[in-house]
Each structure stands twice: as C-alpha cells, then as structure tokens.
Amino acid sequence: MVMRRVITAILASMSIASCNEKAAKPVHSTSVGEPPDSFHVAFETTRGRFVVEAHHGWAPRGVDRFYELVSAGALDDNGFYRVVPKFIVQFGASGDPKVTAHWDSLRIADDPPAEKNRRGTIAFATEGAGTRTSQLFINLSDNAHLDRIGFVPIGRVVEGMDVVDSIYSGYREKPEYHLIATIGNGYLRRMFPKLDYVRTARVVR
C-alpha cells in the first residue's frame, strides 16, 4: 500500500510538471494542404537518420494523415516506446499530452490493403476498424500475419534501415501508452531513460 502511494505521488508530480512545462505550447493544426502522390520524410533520431518514402496509392487516407502529422511537427520529440526485436518499432505518441489528445480525437477511416507488411514498411497502429490516429510502426521483419488483421502499409524505409534496427529495444513493451498520453515525455524520461527518440521528422523537398 505504501509503495502504491509512492508511485501514485511520483506520477502525479510528473503529470503536474509536464503540464506546466507544456502549457504554452499550442495544439498543432491539421490544415497543411494536399500531399503529393509520393514524398520522402527524413527522420532525425537519437540513433541517426532514416528516410521513409510514402506512396499515396498504397493507402490514401493513411498517407494524408502521415503528411498532416509530419507537416504539423506532431512526430517531433516522440519516443520509440514499443520496440520488439524482429517484429516492430512503434512511435507516434506525442511528448505533449494536449497534442496526443488532439490527434487521438481525429480517427481516420480504413484503407483497403494494397501492400504487404514486409521488412522496412511503415503502417499505422490500429485497435480495429476506423481507429487509426497518430501511432505508427516500422516492420523489422516480414510480418505476414499483420496483413490478415488489417494493418495497411503507407510507405517504406528507403534509407537508414540499419538505424531503425539499432533503436534501443531493452524495454520492449513496458512503456504504457495511456501514461504517455496523460503525462507525456516526463513519464518516459523518468521511467525509461535509455529510450530512443525521433528528434524531428520533415518532408524532404
């Protein structure tokens, strides 16, 4: 009981600190114009740089959302909070709870599958039909079983897959999304200090 109270107090203090730190930061706009048919996004991370090529024809709604997220800066300072070797690297939970809440409220409709979840492809995480928001994952292996349950790739890593492979995986699935969503990066940095991050994600012109 005492330990539970201590943990609760720590999380509460982290939540307050995070809110104070982020109070002046505006929620990102989603008005960014139409994306091109294909485009490259350069991810600068704590492990180095990798580049994703997005294809509108693979998943139009998903690619539109990806373009919105990148253009709004919503993927900046994002922790790679779920990293399972030979499976996936997941990110897309903002360090700012207000930004997470904003994008979580904007679910997008599904795209019919056009490509397979092969190594290096990137797709949105989903909890079922019509639940895609801002969380993305990169396949570290060919994951054919994900094709059968509705995960639709929107693009693929065309440069720096060795960087993606090197992202720290020691915490695996321990970071909890609902705590990232409510507390932000304060929770990740306190509880998971070795975690790697997206520093910036930018469309390459």
N, C-alpha and C. Protein backbone atom coordinates (compact mmCIF):
# COMPACT_ATOMS: atom_id res chain seq x y z
N MET A 1 0.83 -1.21 0.00
CA MET A 1 0.00 0.00 0.00
C MET A 1 0.86 1.26 0.00
N VAL A 2 1.92 1.24 0.86
CA VAL A 2 2.82 2.39 0.92
C VAL A 2 3.49 2.61 -0.44
N MET A 3 3.97 1.50 -1.06
CA MET A 3 4.63 1.60 -2.35
C MET A 3 3.69 2.14 -3.41
N ARG A 4 2.43 1.71 -3.37
CA ARG A 4 1.44 2.18 -4.34
C ARG A 4 1.24 3.68 -4.20
N ARG A 5 1.20 4.17 -2.92
CA ARG A 5 1.03 5.61 -2.70
C ARG A 5 2.24 6.39 -3.21
N VAL A 6 3.44 5.82 -3.03
CA VAL A 6 4.65 6.49 -3.50
C VAL A 6 4.63 6.61 -5.02
N ILE A 7 4.29 5.51 -5.71
CA ILE A 7 4.23 5.51 -7.17
C ILE A 7 3.20 6.52 -7.66
N THR A 8 2.03 6.53 -6.98
CA THR A 8 0.97 7.47 -7.35
C THR A 8 1.44 8.90 -7.20
N ALA A 9 2.16 9.19 -6.12
CA ALA A 9 2.66 10.54 -5.88
C ALA A 9 3.67 10.95 -6.93
N ILE A 10 4.55 10.00 -7.32
CA ILE A 10 5.56 10.29 -8.34
C ILE A 10 4.89 10.62 -9.67
N LEU A 11 3.92 9.78 -10.06
CA LEU A 11 3.23 10.01 -11.33
C LEU A 11 2.46 11.32 -11.32
N ALA A 12 1.87 11.65 -10.16
CA ALA A 12 1.13 12.91 -10.06
C ALA A 12 2.05 14.10 -10.22
N SER A 13 3.24 14.03 -9.58
CA SER A 13 4.19 15.14 -9.68
C SER A 13 4.70 15.28 -11.10
N MET A 14 4.92 14.13 -11.77
CA MET A 14 5.37 14.16 -13.16
C MET A 14 4.31 14.79 -14.05
N SER A 15 3.05 14.46 -13.78
CA SER A 15 1.95 14.99 -14.58
C SER A 15 1.87 16.50 -14.45
N ILE A 16 2.00 17.00 -13.21
CA ILE A 16 1.95 18.44 -12.96
C ILE A 16 3.09 19.15 -13.66
N ALA A 17 4.30 18.56 -13.53
CA ALA A 17 5.47 19.17 -14.16
C ALA A 17 5.33 19.22 -15.66
N SER A 18 4.81 18.12 -16.23
CA SER A 18 4.63 18.07 -17.67
C SER A 18 3.64 19.12 -18.14
N CYS A 19 2.53 19.26 -17.40
CA CYS A 19 1.50 20.23 -17.79
C CYS A 19 2.05 21.65 -17.73
N ASN A 20 2.82 21.96 -16.65
CA ASN A 20 3.39 23.29 -16.52
C ASN A 20 4.37 23.58 -17.64
N GLU A 21 5.19 22.58 -17.97
CA GLU A 21 6.22 22.73 -18.99
C GLU A 21 5.62 22.98 -20.35
N LYS A 22 4.46 22.35 -20.63
CA LYS A 22 3.87 22.39 -21.96
C LYS A 22 2.71 23.37 -22.09
N ALA A 23 2.39 24.08 -21.03
CA ALA A 23 1.16 24.86 -21.01
C ALA A 23 1.06 25.86 -22.15
N ALA A 24 2.20 26.45 -22.52
CA ALA A 24 2.16 27.49 -23.54
C ALA A 24 2.25 26.95 -24.96
N LYS A 25 2.42 25.64 -25.11
CA LYS A 25 2.61 25.07 -26.44
C LYS A 25 1.26 24.84 -27.10
N PRO A 26 1.02 25.36 -28.30
CA PRO A 26 -0.28 25.21 -28.95
C PRO A 26 -0.48 23.81 -29.52
N VAL A 27 -1.74 23.41 -29.61
CA VAL A 27 -2.06 22.16 -30.29
C VAL A 27 -1.83 22.36 -31.78
N HIS A 28 -1.22 21.37 -32.43
CA HIS A 28 -0.85 21.51 -33.83
C HIS A 28 -2.08 21.55 -34.73
N SER A 29 -2.02 22.38 -35.73
CA SER A 29 -3.08 22.48 -36.73
C SER A 29 -3.01 21.31 -37.69
N THR A 30 -4.15 20.99 -38.30
CA THR A 30 -4.17 19.92 -39.30
C THR A 30 -4.34 20.47 -40.72
N SER A 31 -4.33 21.80 -40.90
CA SER A 31 -4.52 22.40 -42.22
C SER A 31 -3.17 22.55 -42.91
N VAL A 32 -2.81 21.58 -43.75
CA VAL A 32 -1.48 21.59 -44.35
C VAL A 32 -1.52 21.44 -45.87
N GLY A 33 -2.70 21.41 -46.46
CA GLY A 33 -2.79 21.26 -47.91
C GLY A 33 -2.67 19.80 -48.34
N GLU A 34 -2.76 19.58 -49.64
CA GLU A 34 -2.74 18.22 -50.17
C GLU A 34 -1.32 17.69 -50.32
N PRO A 35 -1.09 16.43 -49.93
CA PRO A 35 0.24 15.85 -50.12
C PRO A 35 0.45 15.45 -51.58
N PRO A 36 1.70 15.37 -52.01
CA PRO A 36 1.98 14.86 -53.36
C PRO A 36 1.70 13.36 -53.42
N ASP A 37 1.73 12.80 -54.63
CA ASP A 37 1.45 11.38 -54.79
C ASP A 37 2.46 10.50 -54.05
N SER A 38 3.70 10.94 -54.00
CA SER A 38 4.70 10.27 -53.18
C SER A 38 5.66 11.33 -52.66
N PHE A 39 6.24 11.08 -51.51
CA PHE A 39 7.15 12.04 -50.90
C PHE A 39 8.04 11.32 -49.90
N HIS A 40 9.14 11.98 -49.56
CA HIS A 40 10.10 11.43 -48.60
C HIS A 40 10.04 12.21 -47.30
N VAL A 41 10.17 11.49 -46.20
CA VAL A 41 10.25 12.11 -44.88
C VAL A 41 11.55 11.68 -44.22
N ALA A 42 12.36 12.66 -43.82
CA ALA A 42 13.61 12.38 -43.13
C ALA A 42 13.38 12.43 -41.63
N PHE A 43 13.69 11.33 -40.96
CA PHE A 43 13.60 11.25 -39.51
C PHE A 43 15.00 11.39 -38.92
N GLU A 44 15.20 12.44 -38.13
CA GLU A 44 16.44 12.59 -37.37
C GLU A 44 16.16 12.04 -35.97
N THR A 45 16.93 11.06 -35.56
CA THR A 45 16.68 10.38 -34.29
C THR A 45 17.93 10.37 -33.42
N THR A 46 17.76 9.90 -32.20
CA THR A 46 18.90 9.78 -31.29
C THR A 46 19.86 8.68 -31.74
N ARG A 47 19.49 7.91 -32.74
CA ARG A 47 20.37 6.87 -33.30
C ARG A 47 20.94 7.24 -34.66
N GLY A 48 20.43 8.30 -35.24
CA GLY A 48 20.85 8.67 -36.59
C GLY A 48 19.65 8.98 -37.46
N ARG A 49 19.88 8.98 -38.76
CA ARG A 49 18.86 9.41 -39.72
C ARG A 49 18.34 8.23 -40.54
N PHE A 50 17.02 8.21 -40.72
CA PHE A 50 16.45 7.30 -41.71
C PHE A 50 15.39 8.04 -42.51
N VAL A 51 15.09 7.54 -43.71
CA VAL A 51 14.17 8.22 -44.62
C VAL A 51 13.06 7.26 -45.02
N VAL A 52 11.84 7.74 -44.96
CA VAL A 52 10.65 6.98 -45.36
C VAL A 52 10.10 7.56 -46.66
N GLU A 53 9.77 6.69 -47.59
CA GLU A 53 9.09 7.08 -48.82
C GLU A 53 7.62 6.67 -48.70
N ALA A 54 6.72 7.66 -48.75
CA ALA A 54 5.28 7.39 -48.63
C ALA A 54 4.65 7.37 -50.02
N HIS A 55 3.71 6.45 -50.22
CA HIS A 55 3.04 6.29 -51.52
C HIS A 55 1.53 6.46 -51.35
N HIS A 56 0.99 7.51 -51.94
CA HIS A 56 -0.44 7.79 -51.80
C HIS A 56 -1.29 6.64 -52.30
N GLY A 57 -0.84 5.98 -53.35
CA GLY A 57 -1.61 4.87 -53.92
C GLY A 57 -1.68 3.66 -53.01
N TRP A 58 -0.77 3.54 -52.07
CA TRP A 58 -0.80 2.39 -51.16
C TRP A 58 -1.94 2.51 -50.16
N ALA A 59 -2.17 3.72 -49.66
CA ALA A 59 -3.17 3.93 -48.60
C ALA A 59 -3.48 5.42 -48.52
N PRO A 60 -4.39 5.92 -49.37
CA PRO A 60 -4.61 7.37 -49.47
C PRO A 60 -4.93 8.07 -48.15
N ARG A 61 -5.83 7.50 -47.36
CA ARG A 61 -6.19 8.16 -46.11
C ARG A 61 -5.03 8.14 -45.12
N GLY A 62 -4.35 7.01 -45.05
CA GLY A 62 -3.21 6.90 -44.15
C GLY A 62 -2.08 7.84 -44.53
N VAL A 63 -1.81 7.94 -45.82
CA VAL A 63 -0.73 8.82 -46.28
C VAL A 63 -1.09 10.28 -46.04
N ASP A 64 -2.35 10.64 -46.25
CA ASP A 64 -2.79 12.01 -45.94
C ASP A 64 -2.54 12.33 -44.47
N ARG A 65 -2.89 11.41 -43.58
CA ARG A 65 -2.69 11.64 -42.15
C ARG A 65 -1.20 11.72 -41.82
N PHE A 66 -0.40 10.86 -42.41
CA PHE A 66 1.05 10.89 -42.19
C PHE A 66 1.61 12.26 -42.59
N TYR A 67 1.18 12.77 -43.72
CA TYR A 67 1.63 14.08 -44.20
C TYR A 67 1.20 15.18 -43.22
N GLU A 68 -0.02 15.09 -42.73
CA GLU A 68 -0.50 16.06 -41.73
C GLU A 68 0.36 16.03 -40.48
N LEU A 69 0.62 14.84 -39.98
CA LEU A 69 1.40 14.70 -38.75
C LEU A 69 2.80 15.30 -38.91
N VAL A 70 3.45 14.96 -40.01
CA VAL A 70 4.81 15.45 -40.24
C VAL A 70 4.80 16.96 -40.43
N SER A 71 3.88 17.46 -41.25
CA SER A 71 3.82 18.89 -41.54
C SER A 71 3.52 19.71 -40.30
N ALA A 72 2.75 19.14 -39.37
CA ALA A 72 2.41 19.84 -38.13
C ALA A 72 3.47 19.69 -37.05
N GLY A 73 4.51 18.89 -37.29
CA GLY A 73 5.53 18.67 -36.28
C GLY A 73 5.10 17.74 -35.16
N ALA A 74 4.02 17.00 -35.39
CA ALA A 74 3.46 16.17 -34.34
C ALA A 74 4.29 14.92 -34.03
N LEU A 75 5.23 14.58 -34.91
CA LEU A 75 6.09 13.41 -34.65
C LEU A 75 7.43 13.80 -34.04
N ASP A 76 7.66 15.09 -33.85
CA ASP A 76 8.90 15.54 -33.23
C ASP A 76 8.93 15.16 -31.75
N ASP A 77 10.11 14.84 -31.25
CA ASP A 77 10.31 14.52 -29.83
C ASP A 77 9.38 13.38 -29.38
N ASN A 78 9.26 12.38 -30.24
CA ASN A 78 8.44 11.19 -29.96
C ASN A 78 9.34 10.03 -29.56
N GLY A 79 9.00 9.37 -28.48
CA GLY A 79 9.77 8.21 -28.06
C GLY A 79 9.42 6.96 -28.88
N PHE A 80 10.44 6.13 -29.15
CA PHE A 80 10.18 4.80 -29.72
C PHE A 80 9.81 3.90 -28.55
N TYR A 81 8.54 3.95 -28.18
CA TYR A 81 8.12 3.40 -26.90
C TYR A 81 7.76 1.90 -26.94
N ARG A 82 7.68 1.35 -28.12
CA ARG A 82 7.43 -0.09 -28.22
C ARG A 82 8.38 -0.65 -29.28
N VAL A 83 9.37 -1.39 -28.82
CA VAL A 83 10.38 -1.93 -29.73
C VAL A 83 10.56 -3.41 -29.43
N VAL A 84 10.10 -4.24 -30.35
CA VAL A 84 10.18 -5.69 -30.18
C VAL A 84 11.10 -6.24 -31.27
N PRO A 85 12.27 -6.77 -30.90
CA PRO A 85 13.22 -7.26 -31.91
C PRO A 85 12.59 -8.26 -32.87
N LYS A 86 12.96 -8.13 -34.14
CA LYS A 86 12.48 -8.98 -35.22
C LYS A 86 10.96 -8.87 -35.43
N PHE A 87 10.37 -7.79 -34.91
CA PHE A 87 8.94 -7.58 -35.09
C PHE A 87 8.68 -6.14 -35.53
N ILE A 88 8.58 -5.19 -34.59
CA ILE A 88 8.26 -3.81 -34.95
C ILE A 88 8.98 -2.80 -34.06
N VAL A 89 9.04 -1.55 -34.56
CA VAL A 89 9.42 -0.36 -33.79
C VAL A 89 8.23 0.59 -33.88
N GLN A 90 7.67 0.99 -32.74
CA GLN A 90 6.47 1.82 -32.73
C GLN A 90 6.74 3.19 -32.09
N PHE A 91 6.08 4.22 -32.64
CA PHE A 91 6.19 5.59 -32.13
C PHE A 91 4.92 6.33 -32.52
N GLY A 92 4.88 7.64 -32.25
CA GLY A 92 3.71 8.42 -32.63
C GLY A 92 2.86 8.90 -31.48
N ALA A 93 3.34 8.69 -30.24
CA ALA A 93 2.66 9.25 -29.07
C ALA A 93 3.43 10.52 -28.69
N SER A 94 2.81 11.66 -28.84
CA SER A 94 3.50 12.93 -28.61
C SER A 94 3.98 13.07 -27.18
N GLY A 95 5.06 13.83 -27.02
CA GLY A 95 5.54 14.14 -25.68
C GLY A 95 4.64 15.12 -24.95
N ASP A 96 3.73 15.74 -25.67
CA ASP A 96 2.79 16.71 -25.11
C ASP A 96 1.39 16.08 -25.05
N PRO A 97 0.83 15.85 -23.87
CA PRO A 97 -0.49 15.22 -23.76
C PRO A 97 -1.58 15.94 -24.53
N LYS A 98 -1.50 17.28 -24.65
CA LYS A 98 -2.53 18.02 -25.39
C LYS A 98 -2.50 17.65 -26.87
N VAL A 99 -1.30 17.47 -27.40
CA VAL A 99 -1.17 17.09 -28.81
C VAL A 99 -1.67 15.67 -29.02
N THR A 100 -1.33 14.77 -28.09
CA THR A 100 -1.82 13.40 -28.18
C THR A 100 -3.35 13.36 -28.17
N ALA A 101 -3.96 14.12 -27.26
CA ALA A 101 -5.42 14.15 -27.16
C ALA A 101 -6.04 14.68 -28.45
N HIS A 102 -5.41 15.69 -29.02
CA HIS A 102 -5.92 16.27 -30.27
C HIS A 102 -5.97 15.22 -31.38
N TRP A 103 -4.85 14.52 -31.60
CA TRP A 103 -4.81 13.55 -32.69
C TRP A 103 -5.62 12.30 -32.38
N ASP A 104 -5.69 11.92 -31.12
CA ASP A 104 -6.50 10.75 -30.75
C ASP A 104 -7.98 10.99 -31.01
N SER A 105 -8.37 12.25 -31.05
CA SER A 105 -9.78 12.57 -31.31
C SER A 105 -10.11 12.58 -32.81
N LEU A 106 -9.09 12.42 -33.65
CA LEU A 106 -9.27 12.53 -35.10
C LEU A 106 -8.98 11.20 -35.78
N ARG A 107 -9.82 10.24 -35.56
CA ARG A 107 -9.63 8.92 -36.18
C ARG A 107 -9.94 8.99 -37.67
N ILE A 108 -9.25 8.13 -38.42
CA ILE A 108 -9.48 8.12 -39.87
C ILE A 108 -10.02 6.77 -40.31
N ALA A 109 -10.75 6.79 -41.40
CA ALA A 109 -11.33 5.56 -41.95
C ALA A 109 -10.22 4.66 -42.50
N ASP A 110 -10.54 3.40 -42.64
CA ASP A 110 -9.57 2.41 -43.12
C ASP A 110 -9.29 2.57 -44.61
N ASP A 111 -8.12 2.09 -45.01
CA ASP A 111 -7.75 1.96 -46.42
C ASP A 111 -7.75 0.48 -46.78
N PRO A 112 -8.16 0.13 -47.98
CA PRO A 112 -8.03 -1.27 -48.39
C PRO A 112 -6.56 -1.62 -48.55
N PRO A 113 -6.17 -2.84 -48.21
CA PRO A 113 -4.76 -3.22 -48.31
C PRO A 113 -4.28 -3.26 -49.76
N ALA A 114 -3.11 -2.66 -49.99
CA ALA A 114 -2.51 -2.67 -51.32
C ALA A 114 -1.11 -3.28 -51.29
N GLU A 115 -0.43 -3.18 -50.14
CA GLU A 115 0.92 -3.70 -49.99
C GLU A 115 0.99 -4.57 -48.74
N LYS A 116 2.02 -5.36 -48.66
CA LYS A 116 2.19 -6.28 -47.53
C LYS A 116 3.13 -5.70 -46.48
N ASN A 117 2.99 -6.19 -45.26
CA ASN A 117 3.84 -5.76 -44.15
C ASN A 117 5.19 -6.47 -44.22
N ARG A 118 5.98 -6.03 -45.18
CA ARG A 118 7.33 -6.57 -45.33
C ARG A 118 8.31 -5.75 -44.49
N ARG A 119 9.48 -6.31 -44.28
CA ARG A 119 10.53 -5.60 -43.55
C ARG A 119 10.75 -4.21 -44.15
N GLY A 120 10.77 -3.20 -43.28
CA GLY A 120 11.02 -1.83 -43.72
C GLY A 120 9.78 -1.03 -44.05
N THR A 121 8.62 -1.67 -44.16
CA THR A 121 7.40 -0.90 -44.43
C THR A 121 6.90 -0.25 -43.14
N ILE A 122 6.16 0.84 -43.31
CA ILE A 122 5.61 1.58 -42.17
C ILE A 122 4.10 1.61 -42.28
N ALA A 123 3.42 1.44 -41.15
CA ALA A 123 1.96 1.40 -41.13
C ALA A 123 1.45 2.03 -39.84
N PHE A 124 0.18 2.37 -39.84
CA PHE A 124 -0.45 2.88 -38.62
C PHE A 124 -0.86 1.73 -37.71
N ALA A 125 -0.65 1.94 -36.42
CA ALA A 125 -1.21 1.02 -35.44
C ALA A 125 -2.72 1.21 -35.40
N THR A 126 -3.43 0.17 -35.04
CA THR A 126 -4.88 0.23 -35.00
C THR A 126 -5.42 -0.71 -33.94
N GLU A 127 -6.58 -0.37 -33.41
CA GLU A 127 -7.25 -1.23 -32.43
C GLU A 127 -8.50 -1.86 -33.02
N GLY A 128 -8.64 -1.76 -34.33
CA GLY A 128 -9.83 -2.27 -35.00
C GLY A 128 -10.24 -1.31 -36.10
N ALA A 129 -11.38 -1.56 -36.69
CA ALA A 129 -11.84 -0.76 -37.83
C ALA A 129 -11.99 0.72 -37.45
N GLY A 130 -11.46 1.59 -38.30
CA GLY A 130 -11.64 3.02 -38.13
C GLY A 130 -10.99 3.63 -36.91
N THR A 131 -9.85 3.09 -36.45
CA THR A 131 -9.24 3.60 -35.21
C THR A 131 -7.84 4.19 -35.40
N ARG A 132 -7.40 4.38 -36.64
CA ARG A 132 -6.06 4.94 -36.84
C ARG A 132 -6.02 6.42 -36.46
N THR A 133 -4.95 6.82 -35.77
CA THR A 133 -4.82 8.22 -35.34
C THR A 133 -3.42 8.73 -35.67
N SER A 134 -2.45 8.51 -34.78
CA SER A 134 -1.10 9.05 -34.99
C SER A 134 0.01 8.05 -34.72
N GLN A 135 -0.32 6.89 -34.19
CA GLN A 135 0.71 5.92 -33.85
C GLN A 135 1.11 5.10 -35.08
N LEU A 136 2.42 4.97 -35.28
CA LEU A 136 2.96 4.30 -36.45
C LEU A 136 3.96 3.24 -36.01
N PHE A 137 4.18 2.27 -36.87
CA PHE A 137 5.23 1.29 -36.60
C PHE A 137 5.95 0.94 -37.89
N ILE A 138 7.20 0.55 -37.73
CA ILE A 138 8.03 0.07 -38.83
C ILE A 138 8.27 -1.41 -38.63
N ASN A 139 8.04 -2.18 -39.66
CA ASN A 139 8.26 -3.63 -39.58
C ASN A 139 9.75 -3.95 -39.62
N LEU A 140 10.21 -4.69 -38.62
CA LEU A 140 11.61 -5.12 -38.58
C LEU A 140 11.82 -6.45 -39.29
N SER A 141 10.73 -7.13 -39.60
CA SER A 141 10.76 -8.40 -40.33
C SER A 141 9.56 -8.44 -41.26
N ASP A 142 9.49 -9.46 -42.11
CA ASP A 142 8.28 -9.69 -42.89
C ASP A 142 7.22 -10.22 -41.93
N ASN A 143 6.14 -9.45 -41.75
CA ASN A 143 5.09 -9.81 -40.79
C ASN A 143 3.78 -10.08 -41.52
N ALA A 144 3.73 -11.22 -42.18
CA ALA A 144 2.57 -11.56 -43.00
C ALA A 144 1.28 -11.64 -42.18
N HIS A 145 1.38 -12.02 -40.91
CA HIS A 145 0.17 -12.14 -40.10
C HIS A 145 -0.52 -10.79 -39.90
N LEU A 146 0.24 -9.68 -40.00
CA LEU A 146 -0.37 -8.36 -39.87
C LEU A 146 -1.22 -8.00 -41.07
N ASP A 147 -0.92 -8.59 -42.23
CA ASP A 147 -1.74 -8.36 -43.43
C ASP A 147 -3.16 -8.87 -43.21
N ARG A 148 -3.26 -9.98 -42.51
CA ARG A 148 -4.56 -10.65 -42.34
C ARG A 148 -5.46 -9.96 -41.32
N ILE A 149 -4.88 -9.08 -40.48
CA ILE A 149 -5.70 -8.46 -39.44
C ILE A 149 -5.82 -6.94 -39.61
N GLY A 150 -5.56 -6.45 -40.84
CA GLY A 150 -5.95 -5.09 -41.17
C GLY A 150 -4.91 -3.99 -41.05
N PHE A 151 -3.64 -4.34 -40.91
CA PHE A 151 -2.60 -3.30 -40.86
C PHE A 151 -2.12 -3.01 -42.28
N VAL A 152 -2.24 -1.74 -42.69
CA VAL A 152 -2.03 -1.36 -44.09
C VAL A 152 -0.79 -0.47 -44.21
N PRO A 153 0.27 -0.93 -44.86
CA PRO A 153 1.45 -0.09 -45.05
C PRO A 153 1.15 1.17 -45.86
N ILE A 154 1.81 2.26 -45.48
CA ILE A 154 1.66 3.53 -46.19
C ILE A 154 2.94 3.92 -46.93
N GLY A 155 4.02 3.21 -46.66
CA GLY A 155 5.30 3.53 -47.27
C GLY A 155 6.38 2.58 -46.77
N ARG A 156 7.64 2.95 -47.04
CA ARG A 156 8.73 2.07 -46.63
C ARG A 156 9.99 2.88 -46.37
N VAL A 157 10.86 2.33 -45.56
CA VAL A 157 12.15 2.95 -45.28
C VAL A 157 13.06 2.72 -46.50
N VAL A 158 13.57 3.80 -47.07
CA VAL A 158 14.42 3.70 -48.26
C VAL A 158 15.87 4.06 -47.96
N GLU A 159 16.11 4.53 -46.76
CA GLU A 159 17.47 4.89 -46.35
C GLU A 159 17.56 4.76 -44.83
N GLY A 160 18.63 4.13 -44.35
CA GLY A 160 18.88 4.09 -42.91
C GLY A 160 18.16 2.99 -42.16
N MET A 161 17.86 1.86 -42.82
CA MET A 161 17.21 0.77 -42.09
C MET A 161 18.13 0.23 -40.98
N ASP A 162 19.43 0.39 -41.14
CA ASP A 162 20.35 -0.01 -40.08
C ASP A 162 20.14 0.84 -38.83
N VAL A 163 19.75 2.11 -39.02
CA VAL A 163 19.44 2.98 -37.89
C VAL A 163 18.19 2.47 -37.17
N VAL A 164 17.17 2.12 -37.94
CA VAL A 164 15.94 1.59 -37.35
C VAL A 164 16.24 0.31 -36.56
N ASP A 165 17.07 -0.56 -37.12
CA ASP A 165 17.43 -1.80 -36.44
C ASP A 165 18.15 -1.55 -35.12
N SER A 166 18.85 -0.42 -35.02
CA SER A 166 19.67 -0.16 -33.83
C SER A 166 18.92 0.52 -32.70
N ILE A 167 17.65 0.90 -32.92
CA ILE A 167 16.87 1.59 -31.89
C ILE A 167 16.77 0.71 -30.64
N TYR A 168 16.94 1.33 -29.48
CA TYR A 168 17.03 0.58 -28.22
C TYR A 168 15.76 -0.24 -27.97
N SER A 169 15.98 -1.53 -27.69
CA SER A 169 14.84 -2.46 -27.54
C SER A 169 14.76 -3.07 -26.15
N GLY A 170 15.57 -2.59 -25.22
CA GLY A 170 15.62 -3.22 -23.90
C GLY A 170 14.32 -3.15 -23.11
N TYR A 171 13.50 -2.14 -23.37
CA TYR A 171 12.24 -2.01 -22.62
C TYR A 171 11.09 -2.75 -23.30
N ARG A 172 11.29 -3.16 -24.53
CA ARG A 172 10.29 -3.89 -25.30
C ARG A 172 8.92 -3.20 -25.22
N GLU A 173 7.94 -3.81 -24.53
CA GLU A 173 6.58 -3.26 -24.48
C GLU A 173 6.22 -2.71 -23.11
N LYS A 174 7.22 -2.41 -22.29
CA LYS A 174 6.95 -1.95 -20.92
C LYS A 174 6.33 -0.55 -20.84
N PRO A 175 6.79 0.44 -21.63
CA PRO A 175 6.13 1.75 -21.55
C PRO A 175 4.63 1.63 -21.86
N GLU A 176 3.80 2.30 -21.07
CA GLU A 176 2.36 2.19 -21.22
C GLU A 176 1.81 3.43 -21.95
N TYR A 177 1.08 3.16 -23.02
CA TYR A 177 0.59 4.26 -23.85
C TYR A 177 -0.29 5.23 -23.05
N HIS A 178 -1.16 4.72 -22.21
CA HIS A 178 -2.08 5.62 -21.51
C HIS A 178 -1.35 6.57 -20.58
N LEU A 179 -0.16 6.17 -20.09
CA LEU A 179 0.63 7.07 -19.25
C LEU A 179 1.39 8.09 -20.10
N ILE A 180 1.83 7.68 -21.30
CA ILE A 180 2.43 8.66 -22.22
C ILE A 180 1.37 9.69 -22.59
N ALA A 181 0.16 9.22 -22.87
CA ALA A 181 -0.93 10.10 -23.31
C ALA A 181 -1.34 11.08 -22.23
N THR A 182 -1.21 10.71 -20.96
CA THR A 182 -1.67 11.59 -19.88
C THR A 182 -0.54 12.40 -19.25
N ILE A 183 0.70 11.89 -19.31
CA ILE A 183 1.82 12.56 -18.65
C ILE A 183 2.83 13.11 -19.66
N GLY A 184 3.00 12.41 -20.77
CA GLY A 184 3.93 12.86 -21.80
C GLY A 184 5.33 12.31 -21.61
N ASN A 185 6.30 13.02 -22.17
CA ASN A 185 7.68 12.54 -22.13
C ASN A 185 8.29 12.56 -20.74
N GLY A 186 7.69 13.28 -19.82
CA GLY A 186 8.18 13.25 -18.44
C GLY A 186 8.15 11.83 -17.89
N TYR A 187 7.09 11.12 -18.22
CA TYR A 187 6.97 9.71 -17.80
C TYR A 187 8.05 8.86 -18.46
N LEU A 188 8.24 9.01 -19.76
CA LEU A 188 9.22 8.18 -20.47
C LEU A 188 10.64 8.46 -20.00
N ARG A 189 10.97 9.73 -19.84
CA ARG A 189 12.35 10.07 -19.48
C ARG A 189 12.67 9.68 -18.04
N ARG A 190 11.68 9.71 -17.19
CA ARG A 190 11.91 9.32 -15.79
C ARG A 190 12.00 7.80 -15.65
N MET A 191 11.11 7.10 -16.29
CA MET A 191 10.99 5.66 -16.07
C MET A 191 11.81 4.82 -17.06
N PHE A 192 12.10 5.40 -18.24
CA PHE A 192 12.80 4.64 -19.30
C PHE A 192 13.91 5.49 -19.90
N PRO A 193 14.96 5.75 -19.13
CA PRO A 193 15.99 6.73 -19.54
C PRO A 193 16.79 6.35 -20.78
N LYS A 194 16.81 5.08 -21.16
CA LYS A 194 17.60 4.66 -22.32
C LYS A 194 16.80 4.70 -23.63
N LEU A 195 15.55 5.08 -23.55
CA LEU A 195 14.69 5.09 -24.72
C LEU A 195 15.26 6.00 -25.81
N ASP A 196 15.11 5.59 -27.07
CA ASP A 196 15.48 6.44 -28.20
C ASP A 196 14.27 7.26 -28.66
N TYR A 197 14.56 8.37 -29.36
CA TYR A 197 13.52 9.31 -29.76
C TYR A 197 13.67 9.77 -31.21
N VAL A 198 12.52 10.10 -31.83
CA VAL A 198 12.52 10.92 -33.03
C VAL A 198 12.79 12.34 -32.58
N ARG A 199 13.85 12.94 -33.09
CA ARG A 199 14.08 14.34 -32.77
C ARG A 199 13.22 15.24 -33.66
N THR A 200 13.30 15.01 -34.96
CA THR A 200 12.46 15.73 -35.92
C THR A 200 12.08 14.80 -37.06
N ALA A 201 10.94 15.09 -37.68
CA ALA A 201 10.52 14.40 -38.91
C ALA A 201 10.07 15.47 -39.88
N ARG A 202 10.71 15.52 -41.06
CA ARG A 202 10.44 16.59 -42.01
C ARG A 202 10.29 16.04 -43.42
N VAL A 203 9.34 16.59 -44.17
CA VAL A 203 9.21 16.26 -45.59
C VAL A 203 10.44 16.81 -46.31
N VAL A 204 11.07 15.96 -47.12
CA VAL A 204 12.24 16.36 -47.88
C VAL A 204 11.77 16.94 -49.20
N ARG A 205 12.03 18.19 -49.44
CA ARG A 205 11.56 18.86 -50.66
C ARG A 205 12.45 18.54 -51.83
